[in-house]
Amino acid sequence: KLGPVANETQFTKIQQFIEAGTSEGARILTGGPGR
């Protein structure tokens, strides 16, 4: 139901957003960084 994102640039950008979310105080309920 969920494949990869389309390219490496997009993958890296999403990882940076996830890091920004935790650093700004949001709480990860499920998922998170990495594959």
Full PDB file with SEQRES, HELIX, SHEET, SSBOND, CRYST1, ORIGX, SCALE, CONECT and MASTER records, all heavy atoms in Angstrom:
SEQRES   1 A   35  LYS LEU GLY PRO VAL ALA ASN GLU THR GLN PHE THR LYS          
SEQRES   2 A   35  ILE GLN GLN PHE ILE GLU ALA GLY THR SER GLU GLY ALA          
SEQRES   3 A   35  ARG ILE LEU THR GLY GLY PRO GLY ARG                          
HELIX    1 AA1 GLU A    8  SER A   23  1                                  16    
CRYST1    1.000    1.000    1.000  90.00  90.00  90.00 P 1           1          
ORIGX1      1.000000  0.000000  0.000000        0.00000                         
ORIGX2      0.000000  1.000000  0.000000        0.00000                         
ORIGX3      0.000000  0.000000  1.000000        0.00000                         
SCALE1      1.000000  0.000000  0.000000        0.00000                         
SCALE2      0.000000  1.000000  0.000000        0.00000                         
SCALE3      0.000000  0.000000  1.000000        0.00000                         
ATOM      1  N   LYS A   1       0.817  -1.215   0.000  1.00  0.00           N  
ATOM      2  CA  LYS A   1       0.000   0.000   0.000  1.00  0.00           C  
ATOM      3  C   LYS A   1       0.851   1.265   0.000  1.00  0.00           C  
ATOM      4  O   LYS A   1       0.386   2.336  -0.368  1.00  0.00           O  
ATOM      5  CB  LYS A   1      -0.928   0.019   1.223  1.00  0.00           C  
ATOM      6  CG  LYS A   1      -1.978  -1.085   1.220  1.00  0.00           C  
ATOM      7  CD  LYS A   1      -2.871  -0.994  -0.004  1.00  0.00           C  
ATOM      8  CE  LYS A   1      -3.909  -2.109  -0.024  1.00  0.00           C  
ATOM      9  NZ  LYS A   1      -4.698  -2.101  -1.289  1.00  0.00           N  
ATOM     10  N   LEU A   2       2.103   1.137   0.434  1.00  0.00           N  
ATOM     11  CA  LEU A   2       2.997   2.292   0.501  1.00  0.00           C  
ATOM     12  C   LEU A   2       4.340   1.903  -0.084  1.00  0.00           C  
ATOM     13  O   LEU A   2       5.049   1.052   0.471  1.00  0.00           O  
ATOM     14  CB  LEU A   2       3.171   2.754   1.951  1.00  0.00           C  
ATOM     15  CG  LEU A   2       3.840   4.106   2.170  1.00  0.00           C  
ATOM     16  CD1 LEU A   2       2.899   5.241   1.782  1.00  0.00           C  
ATOM     17  CD2 LEU A   2       4.248   4.276   3.629  1.00  0.00           C  
ATOM     18  N   GLY A   3       4.674   2.494  -1.229  1.00  0.00           N  
ATOM     19  CA  GLY A   3       5.952   2.232  -1.853  1.00  0.00           C  
ATOM     20  C   GLY A   3       6.991   3.249  -1.407  1.00  0.00           C  
ATOM     21  O   GLY A   3       6.796   3.983  -0.431  1.00  0.00           O  
ATOM     22  N   PRO A   4       8.121   3.333  -2.106  1.00  0.00           N  
ATOM     23  CA  PRO A   4       9.140   4.311  -1.763  1.00  0.00           C  
ATOM     24  C   PRO A   4       8.709   5.715  -2.189  1.00  0.00           C  
ATOM     25  O   PRO A   4       7.770   5.868  -2.970  1.00  0.00           O  
ATOM     26  CB  PRO A   4      10.350   3.850  -2.580  1.00  0.00           C  
ATOM     27  CG  PRO A   4       9.731   3.206  -3.794  1.00  0.00           C  
ATOM     28  CD  PRO A   4       8.491   2.522  -3.290  1.00  0.00           C  
ATOM     29  N   VAL A   5       9.392   6.722  -1.675  1.00  0.00           N  
ATOM     30  CA  VAL A   5       9.248   8.063  -2.262  1.00  0.00           C  
ATOM     31  C   VAL A   5      10.080   8.084  -3.532  1.00  0.00           C  
ATOM     32  O   VAL A   5      10.876   7.186  -3.801  1.00  0.00           O  
ATOM     33  CB  VAL A   5       9.639   9.178  -1.272  1.00  0.00           C  
ATOM     34  CG1 VAL A   5       8.687   9.187  -0.092  1.00  0.00           C  
ATOM     35  CG2 VAL A   5      11.090   9.054  -0.804  1.00  0.00           C  
ATOM     36  N   ALA A   6       9.907   9.113  -4.341  1.00  0.00           N  
ATOM     37  CA  ALA A   6      10.334   9.021  -5.736  1.00  0.00           C  
ATOM     38  C   ALA A   6      11.829   9.143  -5.979  1.00  0.00           C  
ATOM     39  O   ALA A   6      12.319   8.692  -7.016  1.00  0.00           O  
ATOM     40  CB  ALA A   6       9.604  10.086  -6.558  1.00  0.00           C  
ATOM     41  N   ASN A   7      12.573   9.749  -5.064  1.00  0.00           N  
ATOM     42  CA  ASN A   7      13.987   9.961  -5.343  1.00  0.00           C  
ATOM     43  C   ASN A   7      14.756  10.227  -4.057  1.00  0.00           C  
ATOM     44  O   ASN A   7      14.165  10.477  -2.999  1.00  0.00           O  
ATOM     45  CB  ASN A   7      14.176  11.104  -6.342  1.00  0.00           C  
ATOM     46  CG  ASN A   7      13.533  12.392  -5.868  1.00  0.00           C  
ATOM     47  OD1 ASN A   7      14.082  13.099  -5.026  1.00  0.00           O  
ATOM     48  ND2 ASN A   7      12.352  12.712  -6.387  1.00  0.00           N  
ATOM     49  N   GLU A   8      16.062  10.194  -4.163  1.00  0.00           N  
ATOM     50  CA  GLU A   8      16.919  10.349  -2.988  1.00  0.00           C  
ATOM     51  C   GLU A   8      16.785  11.737  -2.373  1.00  0.00           C  
ATOM     52  O   GLU A   8      16.805  11.882  -1.143  1.00  0.00           O  
ATOM     53  CB  GLU A   8      18.369  10.085  -3.360  1.00  0.00           C  
ATOM     54  CG  GLU A   8      19.317  10.115  -2.179  1.00  0.00           C  
ATOM     55  CD  GLU A   8      20.734   9.763  -2.557  1.00  0.00           C  
ATOM     56  OE1 GLU A   8      21.052   9.764  -3.771  1.00  0.00           O  
ATOM     57  OE2 GLU A   8      21.543   9.480  -1.644  1.00  0.00           O  
ATOM     58  N   THR A   9      16.661  12.753  -3.211  1.00  0.00           N  
ATOM     59  CA  THR A   9      16.507  14.118  -2.697  1.00  0.00           C  
ATOM     60  C   THR A   9      15.279  14.220  -1.816  1.00  0.00           C  
ATOM     61  O   THR A   9      15.305  14.827  -0.735  1.00  0.00           O  
ATOM     62  CB  THR A   9      16.414  15.122  -3.865  1.00  0.00           C  
ATOM     63  OG1 THR A   9      17.619  15.063  -4.625  1.00  0.00           O  
ATOM     64  CG2 THR A   9      16.202  16.533  -3.346  1.00  0.00           C  
ATOM     65  N   GLN A  10      14.182  13.613  -2.275  1.00  0.00           N  
ATOM     66  CA  GLN A  10      12.946  13.646  -1.504  1.00  0.00           C  
ATOM     67  C   GLN A  10      13.104  12.879  -0.187  1.00  0.00           C  
ATOM     68  O   GLN A  10      12.653  13.331   0.870  1.00  0.00           O  
ATOM     69  CB  GLN A  10      11.809  13.051  -2.341  1.00  0.00           C  
ATOM     70  CG  GLN A  10      10.424  13.301  -1.807  1.00  0.00           C  
ATOM     71  CD  GLN A  10      10.096  14.789  -1.779  1.00  0.00           C  
ATOM     72  OE1 GLN A  10      10.645  15.589  -2.521  1.00  0.00           O  
ATOM     73  NE2 GLN A  10       9.204  15.166  -0.879  1.00  0.00           N  
ATOM     74  N   PHE A  11      13.746  11.728  -0.248  1.00  0.00           N  
ATOM     75  CA  PHE A  11      13.981  10.924   0.958  1.00  0.00           C  
ATOM     76  C   PHE A  11      14.766  11.728   1.995  1.00  0.00           C  
ATOM     77  O   PHE A  11      14.404  11.775   3.179  1.00  0.00           O  
ATOM     78  CB  PHE A  11      14.746   9.644   0.585  1.00  0.00           C  
ATOM     79  CG  PHE A  11      15.122   8.792   1.760  1.00  0.00           C  
ATOM     80  CD1 PHE A  11      14.234   7.872   2.280  1.00  0.00           C  
ATOM     81  CD2 PHE A  11      16.371   8.925   2.363  1.00  0.00           C  
ATOM     82  CE1 PHE A  11      14.576   7.081   3.379  1.00  0.00           C  
ATOM     83  CE2 PHE A  11      16.726   8.146   3.457  1.00  0.00           C  
ATOM     84  CZ  PHE A  11      15.818   7.225   3.968  1.00  0.00           C  
ATOM     85  N   THR A  12      15.826  12.368   1.552  1.00  0.00           N  
ATOM     86  CA  THR A  12      16.662  13.151   2.464  1.00  0.00           C  
ATOM     87  C   THR A  12      15.891  14.314   3.066  1.00  0.00           C  
ATOM     88  O   THR A  12      16.002  14.599   4.271  1.00  0.00           O  
ATOM     89  CB  THR A  12      17.902  13.664   1.711  1.00  0.00           C  
ATOM     90  OG1 THR A  12      18.630  12.545   1.194  1.00  0.00           O  
ATOM     91  CG2 THR A  12      18.802  14.473   2.632  1.00  0.00           C  
ATOM     92  N   LYS A  13      15.102  14.988   2.250  1.00  0.00           N  
ATOM     93  CA  LYS A  13      14.323  16.126   2.738  1.00  0.00           C  
ATOM     94  C   LYS A  13      13.325  15.692   3.811  1.00  0.00           C  
ATOM     95  O   LYS A  13      13.170  16.362   4.838  1.00  0.00           O  
ATOM     96  CB  LYS A  13      13.576  16.784   1.568  1.00  0.00           C  
ATOM     97  CG  LYS A  13      12.860  18.077   1.937  1.00  0.00           C  
ATOM     98  CD  LYS A  13      12.176  18.687   0.718  1.00  0.00           C  
ATOM     99  CE  LYS A  13      10.719  18.333   0.704  1.00  0.00           C  
ATOM    100  NZ  LYS A  13       9.926  19.070  -0.300  1.00  0.00           N  
ATOM    101  N   ILE A  14      12.678  14.559   3.608  1.00  0.00           N  
ATOM    102  CA  ILE A  14      11.701  14.063   4.582  1.00  0.00           C  
ATOM    103  C   ILE A  14      12.399  13.728   5.902  1.00  0.00           C  
ATOM    104  O   ILE A  14      11.873  14.040   6.983  1.00  0.00           O  
ATOM    105  CB  ILE A  14      10.960  12.832   4.015  1.00  0.00           C  
ATOM    106  CG1 ILE A  14      10.103  13.242   2.813  1.00  0.00           C  
ATOM    107  CG2 ILE A  14      10.077  12.196   5.094  1.00  0.00           C  
ATOM    108  CD1 ILE A  14       9.627  12.068   1.971  1.00  0.00           C  
ATOM    109  N   GLN A  15      13.569  13.121   5.821  1.00  0.00           N  
ATOM    110  CA  GLN A  15      14.314  12.803   7.040  1.00  0.00           C  
ATOM    111  C   GLN A  15      14.665  14.074   7.806  1.00  0.00           C  
ATOM    112  O   GLN A  15      14.610  14.111   9.050  1.00  0.00           O  
ATOM    113  CB  GLN A  15      15.592  12.029   6.694  1.00  0.00           C  
ATOM    114  CG  GLN A  15      15.372  10.698   5.997  1.00  0.00           C  
ATOM    115  CD  GLN A  15      14.463   9.750   6.771  1.00  0.00           C  
ATOM    116  OE1 GLN A  15      14.651   9.558   7.969  1.00  0.00           O  
ATOM    117  NE2 GLN A  15      13.473   9.181   6.096  1.00  0.00           N  
ATOM    118  N   GLN A  16      14.985  15.127   7.081  1.00  0.00           N  
ATOM    119  CA  GLN A  16      15.302  16.409   7.724  1.00  0.00           C  
ATOM    120  C   GLN A  16      14.077  17.004   8.410  1.00  0.00           C  
ATOM    121  O   GLN A  16      14.186  17.574   9.502  1.00  0.00           O  
ATOM    122  CB  GLN A  16      15.874  17.378   6.690  1.00  0.00           C  
ATOM    123  CG  GLN A  16      17.254  16.979   6.186  1.00  0.00           C  
ATOM    124  CD  GLN A  16      17.707  17.783   4.976  1.00  0.00           C  
ATOM    125  OE1 GLN A  16      16.910  18.478   4.327  1.00  0.00           O  
ATOM    126  NE2 GLN A  16      18.981  17.681   4.650  1.00  0.00           N  
ATOM    127  N   PHE A  17      12.910  16.854   7.792  1.00  0.00           N  
ATOM    128  CA  PHE A  17      11.678  17.345   8.413  1.00  0.00           C  
ATOM    129  C   PHE A  17      11.364  16.561   9.687  1.00  0.00           C  
ATOM    130  O   PHE A  17      10.919  17.139  10.687  1.00  0.00           O  
ATOM    131  CB  PHE A  17      10.509  17.257   7.433  1.00  0.00           C  
ATOM    132  CG  PHE A  17      10.370  18.450   6.539  1.00  0.00           C  
ATOM    133  CD1 PHE A  17      10.514  18.337   5.167  1.00  0.00           C  
ATOM    134  CD2 PHE A  17      10.072  19.696   7.072  1.00  0.00           C  
ATOM    135  CE1 PHE A  17      10.380  19.439   4.329  1.00  0.00           C  
ATOM    136  CE2 PHE A  17       9.930  20.806   6.246  1.00  0.00           C  
ATOM    137  CZ  PHE A  17      10.089  20.678   4.870  1.00  0.00           C  
ATOM    138  N   ILE A  18      11.557  15.248   9.638  1.00  0.00           N  
ATOM    139  CA  ILE A  18      11.301  14.432  10.833  1.00  0.00           C  
ATOM    140  C   ILE A  18      12.230  14.864  11.971  1.00  0.00           C  
ATOM    141  O   ILE A  18      11.803  15.002  13.130  1.00  0.00           O  
ATOM    142  CB  ILE A  18      11.467  12.936  10.501  1.00  0.00           C  
ATOM    143  CG1 ILE A  18      10.342  12.484   9.552  1.00  0.00           C  
ATOM    144  CG2 ILE A  18      11.458  12.087  11.774  1.00  0.00           C  
ATOM    145  CD1 ILE A  18      10.503  11.074   9.010  1.00  0.00           C  
ATOM    146  N   GLU A  19      13.476  15.125  11.641  1.00  0.00           N  
ATOM    147  CA  GLU A  19      14.424  15.603  12.648  1.00  0.00           C  
ATOM    148  C   GLU A  19      13.995  16.963  13.190  1.00  0.00           C  
ATOM    149  O   GLU A  19      14.066  17.219  14.405  1.00  0.00           O  
ATOM    150  CB  GLU A  19      15.824  15.700  12.039  1.00  0.00           C  
ATOM    151  CG  GLU A  19      16.885  16.152  13.022  1.00  0.00           C  
ATOM    152  CD  GLU A  19      18.262  16.232  12.387  1.00  0.00           C  
ATOM    153  OE1 GLU A  19      18.466  15.650  11.304  1.00  0.00           O  
ATOM    154  OE2 GLU A  19      19.137  16.894  12.976  1.00  0.00           O  
ATOM    155  N   ALA A  20      13.510  17.844  12.299  1.00  0.00           N  
ATOM    156  CA  ALA A  20      13.060  19.169  12.736  1.00  0.00           C  
ATOM    157  C   ALA A  20      11.865  19.063  13.677  1.00  0.00           C  
ATOM    158  O   ALA A  20      11.750  19.812  14.654  1.00  0.00           O  
ATOM    159  CB  ALA A  20      12.700  20.017  11.521  1.00  0.00           C  
ATOM    160  N   GLY A  21      10.970  18.114  13.389  1.00  0.00           N  
ATOM    161  CA  GLY A  21       9.798  17.937  14.244  1.00  0.00           C  
ATOM    162  C   GLY A  21      10.175  17.573  15.666  1.00  0.00           C  
ATOM    163  O   GLY A  21       9.660  18.157  16.635  1.00  0.00           O  
ATOM    164  N   THR A  22      11.099  16.626  15.810  1.00  0.00           N  
ATOM    165  CA  THR A  22      11.503  16.217  17.160  1.00  0.00           C  
ATOM    166  C   THR A  22      12.303  17.314  17.852  1.00  0.00           C  
ATOM    167  O   THR A  22      12.143  17.537  19.056  1.00  0.00           O  
ATOM    168  CB  THR A  22      12.331  14.919  17.098  1.00  0.00           C  
ATOM    169  OG1 THR A  22      13.449  15.111  16.211  1.00  0.00           O  
ATOM    170  CG2 THR A  22      11.496  13.772  16.582  1.00  0.00           C  
ATOM    171  N   SER A  23      13.140  18.019  17.107  1.00  0.00           N  
ATOM    172  CA  SER A  23      13.960  19.063  17.731  1.00  0.00           C  
ATOM    173  C   SER A  23      13.118  20.252  18.188  1.00  0.00           C  
ATOM    174  O   SER A  23      13.509  20.964  19.122  1.00  0.00           O  
ATOM    175  CB  SER A  23      15.045  19.535  16.757  1.00  0.00           C  
ATOM    176  OG  SER A  23      14.472  20.206  15.646  1.00  0.00           O  
ATOM    177  N   GLU A  24      11.955  20.456  17.570  1.00  0.00           N  
ATOM    178  CA  GLU A  24      11.077  21.562  17.964  1.00  0.00           C  
ATOM    179  C   GLU A  24      10.054  21.146  19.016  1.00  0.00           C  
ATOM    180  O   GLU A  24       9.208  21.956  19.412  1.00  0.00           O  
ATOM    181  CB  GLU A  24      10.374  22.146  16.734  1.00  0.00           C  
ATOM    182  CG  GLU A  24      11.335  22.861  15.783  1.00  0.00           C  
ATOM    183  CD  GLU A  24      10.638  23.430  14.561  1.00  0.00           C  
ATOM    184  OE1 GLU A  24       9.386  23.547  14.569  1.00  0.00           O  
ATOM    185  OE2 GLU A  24      11.337  23.772  13.580  1.00  0.00           O  
ATOM    186  N   GLY A  25      10.099  19.894  19.453  1.00  0.00           N  
ATOM    187  CA  GLY A  25       9.272  19.476  20.571  1.00  0.00           C  
ATOM    188  C   GLY A  25       8.064  18.626  20.245  1.00  0.00           C  
ATOM    189  O   GLY A  25       7.302  18.263  21.146  1.00  0.00           O  
ATOM    190  N   ALA A  26       7.864  18.277  18.967  1.00  0.00           N  
ATOM    191  CA  ALA A  26       6.765  17.374  18.624  1.00  0.00           C  
ATOM    192  C   ALA A  26       7.131  15.939  19.028  1.00  0.00           C  
ATOM    193  O   ALA A  26       8.309  15.596  19.148  1.00  0.00           O  
ATOM    194  CB  ALA A  26       6.456  17.440  17.138  1.00  0.00           C  
ATOM    195  N   ARG A  27       6.120  15.125  19.238  1.00  0.00           N  
ATOM    196  CA  ARG A  27       6.319  13.765  19.726  1.00  0.00           C  
ATOM    197  C   ARG A  27       5.955  12.762  18.639  1.00  0.00           C  
ATOM    198  O   ARG A  27       4.854  12.810  18.077  1.00  0.00           O  
ATOM    199  CB  ARG A  27       5.448  13.546  20.966  1.00  0.00           C  
ATOM    200  CG  ARG A  27       5.455  12.132  21.541  1.00  0.00           C  
ATOM    201  CD  ARG A  27       4.816  12.122  22.941  1.00  0.00           C  
ATOM    202  NE  ARG A  27       3.491  12.734  22.956  1.00  0.00           N  
ATOM    203  CZ  ARG A  27       2.347  12.038  22.913  1.00  0.00           C  
ATOM    204  NH1 ARG A  27       2.368  10.718  22.854  1.00  0.00           N  
ATOM    205  NH2 ARG A  27       1.183  12.675  22.975  1.00  0.00           N  
ATOM    206  N   ILE A  28       6.878  11.847  18.339  1.00  0.00           N  
ATOM    207  CA  ILE A  28       6.611  10.817  17.331  1.00  0.00           C  
ATOM    208  C   ILE A  28       5.750   9.722  17.956  1.00  0.00           C  
ATOM    209  O   ILE A  28       6.148   9.082  18.936  1.00  0.00           O  
ATOM    210  CB  ILE A  28       7.916  10.223  16.787  1.00  0.00           C  
ATOM    211  CG1 ILE A  28       8.696  11.281  16.004  1.00  0.00           C  
ATOM    212  CG2 ILE A  28       7.628   9.020  15.905  1.00  0.00           C  
ATOM    213  CD1 ILE A  28      10.049  10.805  15.506  1.00  0.00           C  
ATOM    214  N   LEU A  29       4.574   9.511  17.379  1.00  0.00           N  
ATOM    215  CA  LEU A  29       3.689   8.446  17.844  1.00  0.00           C  
ATOM    216  C   LEU A  29       4.017   7.115  17.183  1.00  0.00           C  
ATOM    217  O   LEU A  29       3.889   6.052  17.790  1.00  0.00           O  
ATOM    218  CB  LEU A  29       2.236   8.809  17.555  1.00  0.00           C  
ATOM    219  CG  LEU A  29       1.650  10.002  18.308  1.00  0.00           C  
ATOM    220  CD1 LEU A  29       0.228  10.267  17.830  1.00  0.00           C  
ATOM    221  CD2 LEU A  29       1.667   9.758  19.812  1.00  0.00           C  
ATOM    222  N   THR A  30       4.408   7.171  15.922  1.00  0.00           N  
ATOM    223  CA  THR A  30       4.789   5.973  15.182  1.00  0.00           C  
ATOM    224  C   THR A  30       5.656   6.409  14.026  1.00  0.00           C  
ATOM    225  O   THR A  30       5.588   7.544  13.573  1.00  0.00           O  
ATOM    226  CB  THR A  30       3.570   5.193  14.677  1.00  0.00           C  
ATOM    227  OG1 THR A  30       3.995   3.940  14.124  1.00  0.00           O  
ATOM    228  CG2 THR A  30       2.792   5.963  13.621  1.00  0.00           C  
ATOM    229  N   GLY A  31       6.506   5.491  13.548  1.00  0.00           N  
ATOM    230  CA  GLY A  31       7.400   5.835  12.458  1.00  0.00           C  
ATOM    231  C   GLY A  31       8.670   6.480  12.964  1.00  0.00           C  
ATOM    232  O   GLY A  31       9.259   6.040  13.949  1.00  0.00           O  
ATOM    233  N   GLY A  32       9.103   7.543  12.292  1.00  0.00           N  
ATOM    234  CA  GLY A  32      10.311   8.237  12.683  1.00  0.00           C  
ATOM    235  C   GLY A  32      11.382   8.161  11.616  1.00  0.00           C  
ATOM    236  O   GLY A  32      11.119   7.800  10.461  1.00  0.00           O  
ATOM    237  N   PRO A  33      12.630   8.472  11.980  1.00  0.00           N  
ATOM    238  CA  PRO A  33      13.703   8.521  10.983  1.00  0.00           C  
ATOM    239  C   PRO A  33      14.102   7.150  10.474  1.00  0.00           C  
ATOM    240  O   PRO A  33      13.843   6.123  11.104  1.00  0.00           O  
ATOM    241  CB  PRO A  33      14.850   9.187  11.756  1.00  0.00           C  
ATOM    242  CG  PRO A  33      14.568   8.884  13.187  1.00  0.00           C  
ATOM    243  CD  PRO A  33      13.077   8.875  13.324  1.00  0.00           C  
ATOM    244  N   GLY A  34      14.749   7.156   9.307  1.00  0.00           N  
ATOM    245  CA  GLY A  34      15.267   5.916   8.739  1.00  0.00           C  
ATOM    246  C   GLY A  34      14.257   5.143   7.917  1.00  0.00           C  
ATOM    247  O   GLY A  34      13.098   5.542   7.772  1.00  0.00           O  
ATOM    248  N   ARG A  35      14.714   4.012   7.389  1.00  0.00           N  
ATOM    249  CA  ARG A  35      13.856   3.144   6.585  1.00  0.00           C  
ATOM    250  C   ARG A  35      13.048   2.206   7.485  1.00  0.00           C  
ATOM    251  O   ARG A  35      13.471   1.895   8.600  1.00  0.00           O  
ATOM    252  CB  ARG A  35      14.688   2.308   5.615  1.00  0.00           C  
ATOM    253  CG  ARG A  35      15.369   3.110   4.512  1.00  0.00           C  
ATOM    254  CD  ARG A  35      16.197   2.173   3.626  1.00  0.00           C  
ATOM    255  NE  ARG A  35      16.757   2.867   2.474  1.00  0.00           N  
ATOM    256  CZ  ARG A  35      17.902   3.537   2.493  1.00  0.00           C  
ATOM    257  NH1 ARG A  35      18.611   3.599   3.618  1.00  0.00           N  
ATOM    258  NH2 ARG A  35      18.355   4.131   1.399  1.00  0.00           N  
TER     259      ARG A  35                                                      
MASTER        0    0    0    1    0    0    0    6  258    1    0    3          
END                                                                             
